[in-house]
Amino acid sequence: MNEPALTMPPEQSGEIEMSYVPSEKLTIIWDKAKKYIKKSASRSNGRIRTEDIFHDLLNKKNDLWIVYDTGTLDINGVMITSFKNYPAGKKMLCIDHITGNKMQDWAEIGIKMLTDFARTNNCHGLESVGRHGLWHWVKNKVGWKKPATFYEYNFEEIDKCNQQHKE
């Protein structure tokens, strides 16, 4: 009765692996992946919500990739992709969202996996609009370019500022 409690050693961390998640399996991992998707959606400045992403994944408009630890089965990151077909015939795999922890451990592996997936699906390449930090992972890789920077002008912000000056 007064025996000391047994303590279990912490589970050893395994390798980092990635996996495509078919839409029919989405609900199995959604709760664990949702926190990363929510973080990424919050950076969209109102363009997309977590529930919109969930709906698009269920309806096969987008694809979900998870990054996980094989020892703990913890999800460390997610990538959301979609195919973009341009009028001139170019097909690209678009990385719509890429987010997670310890990206230094998996970003290169993830991009290689997406590259292989894109080639298998007859894409001409990968594309993404992302935060400046994303460039860090690809800037020294052959073939990657930064042809433009995304700019945004929000009327709501300027209207609010103008309203405050009137008061």
Foldseek 3Di string as FASTA:
>chain_A
DPDDDDDDDDFDWAAKDKDWAQLVCCVVCVVQALVFLQVQQVVPVPPDHSVRLNVCRNVVQKIKMFIATPGVRHTFWMWIWHWDADPVGAIEIEGEDTGGPPCVRPVVVVLVVVQVVCVVVVHPYYYYQDDPVNCVSPVPPPPDDDPDHDDDDDPVVVVVVVVVVVD
